[in-house]
C-alpha atoms as a PDB file:
ATOM      1  CA  UNK A   1     -61.122 -20.685 -55.596  1.00  0.00           C
ATOM      2  CA  UNK A   2     -62.658 -21.133 -52.220  1.00  0.00           C
ATOM      3  CA  UNK A   3     -60.944 -20.577 -48.844  1.00  0.00           C
ATOM      4  CA  UNK A   4     -60.028 -24.097 -48.113  1.00  0.00           C
ATOM      5  CA  UNK A   5     -57.996 -24.574 -51.257  1.00  0.00           C
ATOM      6  CA  UNK A   6     -56.112 -21.374 -50.965  1.00  0.00           C
ATOM      7  CA  UNK A   7     -52.142 -22.429 -50.918  1.00  0.00           C
ATOM      8  CA  UNK A   8     -53.267 -26.177 -51.716  1.00  0.00           C
ATOM      9  CA  UNK A   9     -53.546 -27.977 -55.226  1.00  0.00           C
ATOM     10  CA  UNK A  10     -57.151 -28.499 -54.611  1.00  0.00           C
ATOM     11  CA  UNK A  11     -59.687 -28.730 -51.705  1.00  0.00           C
ATOM     12  CA  UNK A  12     -60.016 -32.584 -52.198  1.00  0.00           C
ATOM     13  CA  UNK A  13     -59.792 -34.123 -48.879  1.00  0.00           C
ATOM     14  CA  UNK A  14     -57.608 -36.908 -50.116  1.00  0.00           C
ATOM     15  CA  UNK A  15     -55.226 -34.351 -51.856  1.00  0.00           C
ATOM     16  CA  UNK A  16     -55.142 -32.289 -48.508  1.00  0.00           C
ATOM     17  CA  UNK A  17     -54.359 -35.407 -46.437  1.00  0.00           C
ATOM     18  CA  UNK A  18     -51.538 -36.174 -48.931  1.00  0.00           C
ATOM     19  CA  UNK A  19     -50.117 -32.655 -48.661  1.00  0.00           C
ATOM     20  CA  UNK A  20     -50.095 -33.263 -44.963  1.00  0.00           C
ATOM     21  CA  UNK A  21     -48.885 -36.849 -44.684  1.00  0.00           C
ATOM     22  CA  UNK A  22     -47.933 -37.995 -48.102  1.00  0.00           C
ATOM     23  CA  UNK A  23     -43.927 -37.606 -48.039  1.00  0.00           C
ATOM     24  CA  UNK A  24     -42.087 -40.748 -47.210  1.00  0.00           C
ATOM     25  CA  UNK A  25     -41.025 -40.139 -43.662  1.00  0.00           C
ATOM     26  CA  UNK A  26     -44.146 -38.347 -42.007  1.00  0.00           C
ATOM     27  CA  UNK A  27     -46.277 -41.399 -41.346  1.00  0.00           C
ATOM     28  CA  UNK A  28     -43.076 -43.305 -40.175  1.00  0.00           C
ATOM     29  CA  UNK A  29     -42.304 -40.692 -37.620  1.00  0.00           C
ATOM     30  CA  UNK A  30     -46.036 -40.761 -36.389  1.00  0.00           C
ATOM     31  CA  UNK A  31     -45.857 -44.682 -36.503  1.00  0.00           C
ATOM     32  CA  UNK A  32     -42.766 -44.642 -34.284  1.00  0.00           C
ATOM     33  CA  UNK A  33     -44.333 -42.229 -31.854  1.00  0.00           C
ATOM     34  CA  UNK A  34     -47.578 -44.012 -31.987  1.00  0.00           C
ATOM     35  CA  UNK A  35     -46.766 -47.814 -31.845  1.00  0.00           C
ATOM     36  CA  UNK A  36     -42.980 -47.556 -30.427  1.00  0.00           C
ATOM     37  CA  UNK A  37     -43.871 -44.779 -27.850  1.00  0.00           C
ATOM     38  CA  UNK A  38     -40.598 -43.088 -29.031  1.00  0.00           C
ATOM     39  CA  UNK A  39     -40.905 -39.613 -27.669  1.00  0.00           C
ATOM     40  CA  UNK A  40     -37.417 -37.970 -28.025  1.00  0.00           C
ATOM     41  CA  UNK A  41     -35.370 -37.182 -31.183  1.00  0.00           C
ATOM     42  CA  UNK A  42     -32.730 -39.610 -30.220  1.00  0.00           C
ATOM     43  CA  UNK A  43     -34.923 -42.416 -29.817  1.00  0.00           C
ATOM     44  CA  UNK A  44     -36.624 -41.629 -33.029  1.00  0.00           C
ATOM     45  CA  UNK A  45     -33.274 -41.541 -34.895  1.00  0.00           C
ATOM     46  CA  UNK A  46     -31.698 -44.696 -33.105  1.00  0.00           C
ATOM     47  CA  UNK A  47     -34.590 -47.143 -33.345  1.00  0.00           C
ATOM     48  CA  UNK A  48     -35.789 -46.108 -36.879  1.00  0.00           C
ATOM     49  CA  UNK A  49     -36.028 -49.438 -38.836  1.00  0.00           C
ATOM     50  CA  UNK A  50     -35.843 -47.574 -41.869  1.00  0.00           C
ATOM     51  CA  UNK A  51     -32.780 -45.506 -40.786  1.00  0.00           C
ATOM     52  CA  UNK A  52     -34.044 -42.024 -41.051  1.00  0.00           C
ATOM     53  CA  UNK A  53     -31.209 -39.288 -41.210  1.00  0.00           C
ATOM     54  CA  UNK A  54     -31.167 -36.807 -38.581  1.00  0.00           C
ATOM     55  CA  UNK A  55     -31.713 -33.739 -40.865  1.00  0.00           C
ATOM     56  CA  UNK A  56     -34.830 -35.476 -42.496  1.00  0.00           C
ATOM     57  CA  UNK A  57     -36.001 -36.536 -38.792  1.00  0.00           C
ATOM     58  CA  UNK A  58     -35.670 -32.958 -37.585  1.00  0.00           C
ATOM     59  CA  UNK A  59     -37.463 -31.576 -40.875  1.00  0.00           C
ATOM     60  CA  UNK A  60     -40.370 -34.072 -40.328  1.00  0.00           C
ATOM     61  CA  UNK A  61     -40.650 -33.292 -36.689  1.00  0.00           C
ATOM     62  CA  UNK A  62     -40.868 -29.562 -37.633  1.00  0.00           C
ATOM     63  CA  UNK A  63     -43.555 -30.287 -40.322  1.00  0.00           C
ATOM     64  CA  UNK A  64     -45.669 -32.178 -37.947  1.00  0.00           C
ATOM     65  CA  UNK A  65     -45.495 -29.688 -35.244  1.00  0.00           C
ATOM     66  CA  UNK A  66     -46.585 -27.053 -37.941  1.00  0.00           C
ATOM     67  CA  UNK A  67     -49.448 -29.316 -39.181  1.00  0.00           C
ATOM     68  CA  UNK A  68     -50.914 -29.786 -35.798  1.00  0.00           C
ATOM     69  CA  UNK A  69     -50.152 -33.571 -35.643  1.00  0.00           C
ATOM     70  CA  UNK A  70     -47.545 -33.226 -32.935  1.00  0.00           C
ATOM     71  CA  UNK A  71     -46.846 -31.188 -30.032  1.00  0.00           C
ATOM     72  CA  UNK A  72     -43.605 -30.834 -27.922  1.00  0.00           C
ATOM     73  CA  UNK A  73     -42.615 -29.776 -24.374  1.00  0.00           C
ATOM     74  CA  UNK A  74     -39.379 -29.458 -22.703  1.00  0.00           C
ATOM     75  CA  UNK A  75     -38.338 -32.643 -20.925  1.00  0.00           C
ATOM     76  CA  UNK A  76     -38.202 -31.908 -17.212  1.00  0.00           C
ATOM     77  CA  UNK A  77     -35.205 -34.542 -16.816  1.00  0.00           C
ATOM     78  CA  UNK A  78     -32.757 -32.638 -19.260  1.00  0.00           C
ATOM     79  CA  UNK A  79     -32.728 -29.193 -20.529  1.00  0.00           C
ATOM     80  CA  UNK A  80     -31.703 -29.752 -24.233  1.00  0.00           C
ATOM     81  CA  UNK A  81     -34.294 -32.724 -24.620  1.00  0.00           C
ATOM     82  CA  UNK A  82     -37.952 -32.301 -25.733  1.00  0.00           C
ATOM     83  CA  UNK A  83     -40.633 -34.714 -25.704  1.00  0.00           C
ATOM     84  CA  UNK A  84     -42.941 -35.094 -28.703  1.00  0.00           C
ATOM     85  CA  UNK A  85     -46.525 -36.074 -28.250  1.00  0.00           C
ATOM     86  CA  UNK A  86     -49.452 -37.051 -30.496  1.00  0.00           C
ATOM     87  CA  UNK A  87     -52.005 -34.377 -30.878  1.00  0.00           C
ATOM     88  CA  UNK A  88     -55.896 -35.624 -31.269  1.00  0.00           C
ATOM     89  CA  UNK A  89     -55.745 -35.367 -35.100  1.00  0.00           C
ATOM     90  CA  UNK A  90     -52.716 -37.550 -35.121  1.00  0.00           C
ATOM     91  CA  UNK A  91     -54.384 -40.147 -32.779  1.00  0.00           C
ATOM     92  CA  UNK A  92     -57.289 -40.123 -35.153  1.00  0.00           C
ATOM     93  CA  UNK A  93     -55.125 -41.593 -37.865  1.00  0.00           C
ATOM     94  CA  UNK A  94     -55.163 -44.980 -36.113  1.00  0.00           C
ATOM     95  CA  UNK A  95     -57.735 -46.216 -38.573  1.00  0.00           C
ATOM     96  CA  UNK A  96     -55.886 -45.088 -41.461  1.00  0.00           C
ATOM     97  CA  UNK A  97     -52.625 -46.595 -40.278  1.00  0.00           C
ATOM     98  CA  UNK A  98     -54.574 -49.883 -39.660  1.00  0.00           C
ATOM     99  CA  UNK A  99     -55.775 -49.979 -43.071  1.00  0.00           C
ATOM    100  CA  UNK A 100     -52.446 -49.360 -44.562  1.00  0.00           C
ATOM    101  CA  UNK A 101     -51.076 -52.119 -42.434  1.00  0.00           C
ATOM    102  CA  UNK A 102     -53.644 -54.376 -43.795  1.00  0.00           C
ATOM    103  CA  UNK A 103     -53.084 -53.560 -47.317  1.00  0.00           C
ATOM    104  CA  UNK A 104     -49.321 -53.951 -46.859  1.00  0.00           C
ATOM    105  CA  UNK A 105     -49.840 -57.307 -45.314  1.00  0.00           C
ATOM    106  CA  UNK A 106     -51.864 -58.384 -48.215  1.00  0.00           C
ATOM    107  CA  UNK A 107     -49.724 -56.917 -50.977  1.00  0.00           C
ATOM    108  CA  UNK A 108     -46.238 -56.615 -50.044  1.00  0.00           C
ATOM    109  CA  UNK A 109     -43.466 -58.833 -48.743  1.00  0.00           C
ATOM    110  CA  UNK A 110     -43.696 -58.130 -44.996  1.00  0.00           C
ATOM    111  CA  UNK A 111     -41.734 -59.674 -42.111  1.00  0.00           C
ATOM    112  CA  UNK A 112     -43.883 -61.832 -39.768  1.00  0.00           C
ATOM    113  CA  UNK A 113     -42.711 -59.962 -36.680  1.00  0.00           C
ATOM    114  CA  UNK A 114     -43.335 -56.473 -38.030  1.00  0.00           C
ATOM    115  CA  UNK A 115     -46.806 -57.515 -39.605  1.00  0.00           C
ATOM    116  CA  UNK A 116     -48.208 -59.005 -36.302  1.00  0.00           C
ATOM    117  CA  UNK A 117     -49.121 -55.733 -34.782  1.00  0.00           C
ATOM    118  CA  UNK A 118     -51.146 -54.931 -38.137  1.00  0.00           C
ATOM    119  CA  UNK A 119     -52.903 -58.342 -38.001  1.00  0.00           C
ATOM    120  CA  UNK A 120     -53.907 -57.922 -34.659  1.00  0.00           C
ATOM    121  CA  UNK A 121     -55.371 -54.286 -35.123  1.00  0.00           C
ATOM    122  CA  UNK A 122     -57.012 -55.327 -38.396  1.00  0.00           C
ATOM    123  CA  UNK A 123     -58.613 -58.290 -36.653  1.00  0.00           C
ATOM    124  CA  UNK A 124     -59.609 -56.536 -33.583  1.00  0.00           C
ATOM    125  CA  UNK A 125     -61.437 -54.021 -35.817  1.00  0.00           C
ATOM    126  CA  UNK A 126     -62.780 -50.679 -34.525  1.00  0.00           C
ATOM    127  CA  UNK A 127     -63.456 -51.634 -30.948  1.00  0.00           C
ATOM    128  CA  UNK A 128     -59.657 -52.484 -30.595  1.00  0.00           C
ATOM    129  CA  UNK A 129     -58.765 -49.211 -32.374  1.00  0.00           C
ATOM    130  CA  UNK A 130     -60.921 -47.109 -30.074  1.00  0.00           C
ATOM    131  CA  UNK A 131     -59.399 -48.767 -26.952  1.00  0.00           C
ATOM    132  CA  UNK A 132     -55.883 -48.164 -28.653  1.00  0.00           C
ATOM    133  CA  UNK A 133     -56.745 -44.450 -29.343  1.00  0.00           C
ATOM    134  CA  UNK A 134     -58.041 -43.953 -25.770  1.00  0.00           C
ATOM    135  CA  UNK A 135     -54.575 -45.322 -24.555  1.00  0.00           C
ATOM    136  CA  UNK A 136     -52.659 -43.010 -26.792  1.00  0.00           C
ATOM    137  CA  UNK A 137     -54.840 -40.119 -25.431  1.00  0.00           C
ATOM    138  CA  UNK A 138     -53.765 -41.239 -22.030  1.00  0.00           C
ATOM    139  CA  UNK A 139     -50.066 -41.456 -23.010  1.00  0.00           C
ATOM    140  CA  UNK A 140     -50.094 -38.165 -25.052  1.00  0.00           C
ATOM    141  CA  UNK A 141     -53.066 -35.921 -23.879  1.00  0.00           C
ATOM    142  CA  UNK A 142     -53.061 -36.700 -20.165  1.00  0.00           C
ATOM    143  CA  UNK A 143     -56.531 -38.447 -20.456  1.00  0.00           C
ATOM    144  CA  UNK A 144     -57.307 -41.200 -17.836  1.00  0.00           C
ATOM    145  CA  UNK A 145     -55.492 -44.504 -18.544  1.00  0.00           C
ATOM    146  CA  UNK A 146     -57.656 -47.490 -19.795  1.00  0.00           C
ATOM    147  CA  UNK A 147     -57.666 -50.665 -17.749  1.00  0.00           C
ATOM    148  CA  UNK A 148     -55.921 -52.755 -20.260  1.00  0.00           C
ATOM    149  CA  UNK A 149     -52.819 -51.692 -22.470  1.00  0.00           C
ATOM    150  CA  UNK A 150     -53.131 -52.308 -26.176  1.00  0.00           C
ATOM    151  CA  UNK A 151     -49.582 -51.314 -26.786  1.00  0.00           C
ATOM    152  CA  UNK A 152     -48.407 -53.809 -24.245  1.00  0.00           C
ATOM    153  CA  UNK A 153     -50.473 -56.428 -25.971  1.00  0.00           C
ATOM    154  CA  UNK A 154     -49.306 -55.483 -29.442  1.00  0.00           C
ATOM    155  CA  UNK A 155     -45.425 -55.434 -27.858  1.00  0.00           C
ATOM    156  CA  UNK A 156     -45.705 -59.010 -26.523  1.00  0.00           C
ATOM    157  CA  UNK A 157     -47.236 -60.442 -29.669  1.00  0.00           C
ATOM    158  CA  UNK A 158     -44.333 -58.666 -31.641  1.00  0.00           C
ATOM    159  CA  UNK A 159     -41.791 -60.193 -29.302  1.00  0.00           C
ATOM    160  CA  UNK A 160     -43.412 -63.652 -29.248  1.00  0.00           C
ATOM    161  CA  UNK A 161     -43.146 -63.602 -33.008  1.00  0.00           C
ATOM    162  CA  UNK A 162     -39.699 -62.384 -33.218  1.00  0.00           C
ATOM    163  CA  UNK A 163     -38.580 -64.810 -30.544  1.00  0.00           C
ATOM    164  CA  UNK A 164     -40.334 -67.846 -32.782  1.00  0.00           C
ATOM    165  CA  UNK A 165     -38.581 -66.442 -35.962  1.00  0.00           C
ATOM    166  CA  UNK A 166     -35.224 -66.413 -34.367  1.00  0.00           C
ATOM    167  CA  UNK A 167     -35.553 -69.959 -33.005  1.00  0.00           C
ATOM    168  CA  UNK A 168     -36.656 -70.940 -36.419  1.00  0.00           C
ATOM    169  CA  UNK A 169     -33.698 -69.292 -38.011  1.00  0.00           C
ATOM    170  CA  UNK A 170     -31.282 -70.891 -35.557  1.00  0.00           C
ATOM    171  CA  UNK A 171     -32.638 -74.268 -36.164  1.00  0.00           C
ATOM    172  CA  UNK A 172     -32.018 -73.756 -39.901  1.00  0.00           C
ATOM    173  CA  UNK A 173     -28.336 -72.554 -39.333  1.00  0.00           C
END
């Protein structure tokens, strides 16, 4: 067995990716940090659409830190808080998450408001993904800020679809 596969089931890149990210919660935590800009434990816990349990969240944050996908620093505004940030390898998951969102939009019963970000990222293709990754580097790795915020555009689209969905629901009631 070669060095790469030691401690792993195999040296297959898909297997190794799944060993790192394949549990139910790891990508959800990364998604919430990446797309929701949730950087504190309490934000991740309170705003989880999937209602992650606090012990599971703590475990996944620890695993993601150990895997080198997150880093953490003390929050200067509060001694007992930490700020979680994406590392470069986590930022490079954007194309994978876009493809997962595209697949989910085609093959699962998604809600319109939660699917709009995936739709816009899929339609924007690699140029938009690169802009988004540059913005994430700005937010998480102190790189220069890009001139236009992809996150703000995605959030505005989400809010527009959510408002339209609520209005349609109110009309039907």
